Amino acid sequence: SITYLSSLLDKEDRSVRIAAGEALALIFEIGVIDKFSTEAKNANDVPQEESKPQESYIFLQGLKGKVINQCKNLSAEAGGKGAAKKDLNSQRNLFRDILDFFEVC
């Protein structure tokens, strides 16, 4: 789910990017990221007792790093021709807030 939401941050539609960013921030904020990691492992038929916590941690940190980089880019995105300034400012502010949250975590 996190990988999918991360891919939505690259979509052309600004409202899709904003919704994906909000969903990712919520996942990290309420602390269910470990649940998503466990579900992914179970989907790959890896018995939970055989999974290595360190590998899971490294994987999650990699995903978090990717999302942070995407948020940095989206918080500084320049508007193009025909871009609604209000929507662009909303996107920038949202992703700045998400970055601030990730810096605290």
C-alpha atoms as a PDB file:
ATOM      1  CA  SER A   1       0.000   0.000   0.000  1.00  0.00           C
ATOM      2  CA  ILE A   2       2.791   2.412   0.864  1.00  0.00           C
ATOM      3  CA  THR A   3       4.571   1.700  -2.393  1.00  0.00           C
ATOM      4  CA  TYR A   4       1.348   2.276  -4.324  1.00  0.00           C
ATOM      5  CA  LEU A   5       0.611   5.545  -2.511  1.00  0.00           C
ATOM      6  CA  SER A   6       4.184   6.624  -3.159  1.00  0.00           C
ATOM      7  CA  SER A   7       3.667   6.009  -6.872  1.00  0.00           C
ATOM      8  CA  LEU A   8       0.599   8.266  -6.758  1.00  0.00           C
ATOM      9  CA  LEU A   9       2.832  11.147  -5.639  1.00  0.00           C
ATOM     10  CA  ASP A  10       4.236  11.146  -9.184  1.00  0.00           C
ATOM     11  CA  LYS A  11       0.858  11.502 -10.928  1.00  0.00           C
ATOM     12  CA  GLU A  12      -0.026  14.574 -12.976  1.00  0.00           C
ATOM     13  CA  ASP A  13      -3.257  15.287 -11.094  1.00  0.00           C
ATOM     14  CA  ARG A  14      -2.457  17.565  -8.159  1.00  0.00           C
ATOM     15  CA  SER A  15      -5.474  16.400  -6.129  1.00  0.00           C
ATOM     16  CA  VAL A  16      -4.276  12.781  -6.440  1.00  0.00           C
ATOM     17  CA  ARG A  17      -0.814  13.785  -5.207  1.00  0.00           C
ATOM     18  CA  ILE A  18      -2.295  15.663  -2.256  1.00  0.00           C
ATOM     19  CA  ALA A  19      -4.598  12.782  -1.293  1.00  0.00           C
ATOM     20  CA  ALA A  20      -1.723  10.285  -1.517  1.00  0.00           C
ATOM     21  CA  GLY A  21       0.488  12.532   0.609  1.00  0.00           C
ATOM     22  CA  GLU A  22      -2.206  12.870   3.248  1.00  0.00           C
ATOM     23  CA  ALA A  23      -2.759   9.100   3.302  1.00  0.00           C
ATOM     24  CA  LEU A  24       0.969   8.407   3.680  1.00  0.00           C
ATOM     25  CA  ALA A  25       1.317  10.944   6.475  1.00  0.00           C
ATOM     26  CA  LEU A  26      -1.634   9.366   8.267  1.00  0.00           C
ATOM     27  CA  ILE A  27      -0.143   5.870   7.953  1.00  0.00           C
ATOM     28  CA  PHE A  28       3.122   7.047   9.473  1.00  0.00           C
ATOM     29  CA  GLU A  29       1.410   9.211  12.100  1.00  0.00           C
ATOM     30  CA  ILE A  30      -0.862   6.559  13.570  1.00  0.00           C
ATOM     31  CA  GLY A  31       1.945   4.031  13.557  1.00  0.00           C
ATOM     32  CA  VAL A  32       0.402   1.324  11.407  1.00  0.00           C
ATOM     33  CA  ILE A  33       3.387   1.163   9.095  1.00  0.00           C
ATOM     34  CA  ASP A  34       4.468  -2.081  10.794  1.00  0.00           C
ATOM     35  CA  LYS A  35       1.060  -3.580   9.913  1.00  0.00           C
ATOM     36  CA  PHE A  36       1.606  -2.770   6.246  1.00  0.00           C
ATOM     37  CA  SER A  37       5.049  -4.353   6.386  1.00  0.00           C
ATOM     38  CA  THR A  38       3.648  -7.530   7.973  1.00  0.00           C
ATOM     39  CA  GLU A  39       0.869  -7.742   5.391  1.00  0.00           C
ATOM     40  CA  ALA A  40       3.388  -7.453   2.566  1.00  0.00           C
ATOM     41  CA  LYS A  41       5.479 -10.272   3.993  1.00  0.00           C
ATOM     42  CA  ASN A  42       2.451 -12.497   4.521  1.00  0.00           C
ATOM     43  CA  ALA A  43       1.366 -11.845   0.945  1.00  0.00           C
ATOM     44  CA  ASN A  44       4.734 -13.185  -0.196  1.00  0.00           C
ATOM     45  CA  ASP A  45       4.175 -16.383   1.847  1.00  0.00           C
ATOM     46  CA  VAL A  46       7.057 -15.647   4.198  1.00  0.00           C
ATOM     47  CA  PRO A  47       6.250 -17.088   7.629  1.00  0.00           C
ATOM     48  CA  GLN A  48       6.307 -14.279  10.159  1.00  0.00           C
ATOM     49  CA  GLU A  49       8.638 -16.159  12.519  1.00  0.00           C
ATOM     50  CA  GLU A  50      11.222 -16.387   9.717  1.00  0.00           C
ATOM     51  CA  SER A  51      11.117 -12.692   8.874  1.00  0.00           C
ATOM     52  CA  LYS A  52      14.039 -10.627  10.056  1.00  0.00           C
ATOM     53  CA  PRO A  53      13.129  -7.459  11.954  1.00  0.00           C
ATOM     54  CA  GLN A  54      16.279  -5.715  10.736  1.00  0.00           C
ATOM     55  CA  GLU A  55      15.381  -6.307   7.074  1.00  0.00           C
ATOM     56  CA  SER A  56      11.887  -4.970   7.721  1.00  0.00           C
ATOM     57  CA  TYR A  57      13.322  -1.894   9.415  1.00  0.00           C
ATOM     58  CA  ILE A  58      15.728  -1.233   6.539  1.00  0.00           C
ATOM     59  CA  PHE A  59      12.947  -1.678   3.988  1.00  0.00           C
ATOM     60  CA  LEU A  60      10.665   0.723   5.857  1.00  0.00           C
ATOM     61  CA  GLN A  61      13.424   3.302   6.201  1.00  0.00           C
ATOM     62  CA  GLY A  62      14.052   3.067   2.466  1.00  0.00           C
ATOM     63  CA  LEU A  63      10.364   3.644   1.749  1.00  0.00           C
ATOM     64  CA  LYS A  64      10.289   6.537   4.171  1.00  0.00           C
ATOM     65  CA  GLY A  65      13.364   8.050   2.501  1.00  0.00           C
ATOM     66  CA  LYS A  66      11.726   7.758  -0.913  1.00  0.00           C
ATOM     67  CA  VAL A  67       8.538   9.429   0.342  1.00  0.00           C
ATOM     68  CA  ILE A  68      10.576  12.208   1.985  1.00  0.00           C
ATOM     69  CA  ASN A  69      12.392  12.917  -1.289  1.00  0.00           C
ATOM     70  CA  GLN A  70       9.105  13.010  -3.181  1.00  0.00           C
ATOM     71  CA  CYS A  71       7.643  15.369  -0.560  1.00  0.00           C
ATOM     72  CA  LYS A  72      10.672  17.665  -0.858  1.00  0.00           C
ATOM     73  CA  ASN A  73      10.154  17.887  -4.596  1.00  0.00           C
ATOM     74  CA  LEU A  74       6.427  18.506  -4.259  1.00  0.00           C
ATOM     75  CA  SER A  75       6.907  21.159  -1.561  1.00  0.00           C
ATOM     76  CA  ALA A  76       9.072  23.161  -3.950  1.00  0.00           C
ATOM     77  CA  GLU A  77       7.225  22.461  -7.202  1.00  0.00           C
ATOM     78  CA  ALA A  78       6.955  25.425  -9.519  1.00  0.00           C
ATOM     79  CA  GLY A  79       3.686  26.130 -11.222  1.00  0.00           C
ATOM     80  CA  GLY A  80       3.414  25.734 -14.938  1.00  0.00           C
ATOM     81  CA  LYS A  81       1.261  27.520 -17.419  1.00  0.00           C
ATOM     82  CA  GLY A  82      -2.360  27.231 -16.408  1.00  0.00           C
ATOM     83  CA  ALA A  83      -1.585  25.999 -12.908  1.00  0.00           C
ATOM     84  CA  ALA A  84      -3.998  27.314 -10.313  1.00  0.00           C
ATOM     85  CA  LYS A  85      -1.940  29.283  -7.811  1.00  0.00           C
ATOM     86  CA  LYS A  86      -4.258  28.412  -4.916  1.00  0.00           C
ATOM     87  CA  ASP A  87      -3.951  24.664  -5.619  1.00  0.00           C
ATOM     88  CA  LEU A  88      -0.198  24.911  -6.003  1.00  0.00           C
ATOM     89  CA  ASN A  89       0.151  26.775  -2.704  1.00  0.00           C
ATOM     90  CA  SER A  90      -2.065  24.186  -1.017  1.00  0.00           C
ATOM     91  CA  GLN A  91       0.167  21.395  -2.330  1.00  0.00           C
ATOM     92  CA  ARG A  92       3.358  23.139  -1.235  1.00  0.00           C
ATOM     93  CA  ASN A  93       2.008  23.803   2.249  1.00  0.00           C
ATOM     94  CA  LEU A  94       0.771  20.242   2.697  1.00  0.00           C
ATOM     95  CA  PHE A  95       4.068  18.684   1.692  1.00  0.00           C
ATOM     96  CA  ARG A  96       6.035  21.121   3.860  1.00  0.00           C
ATOM     97  CA  ASP A  97       3.879  20.013   6.790  1.00  0.00           C
ATOM     98  CA  ILE A  98       4.505  16.358   5.926  1.00  0.00           C
ATOM     99  CA  LEU A  99       8.252  17.013   5.791  1.00  0.00           C
ATOM    100  CA  ASP A 100       8.119  18.721   9.171  1.00  0.00           C
ATOM    101  CA  PHE A 101       6.308  15.694  10.572  1.00  0.00           C
ATOM    102  CA  PHE A 102       8.883  13.261   9.170  1.00  0.00           C
ATOM    103  CA  GLU A 103      11.734  15.310  10.641  1.00  0.00           C
ATOM    104  CA  VAL A 104      10.204  14.903  14.106  1.00  0.00           C
ATOM    105  CA  CYS A 105       9.701  11.125  13.717  1.00  0.00           C
END
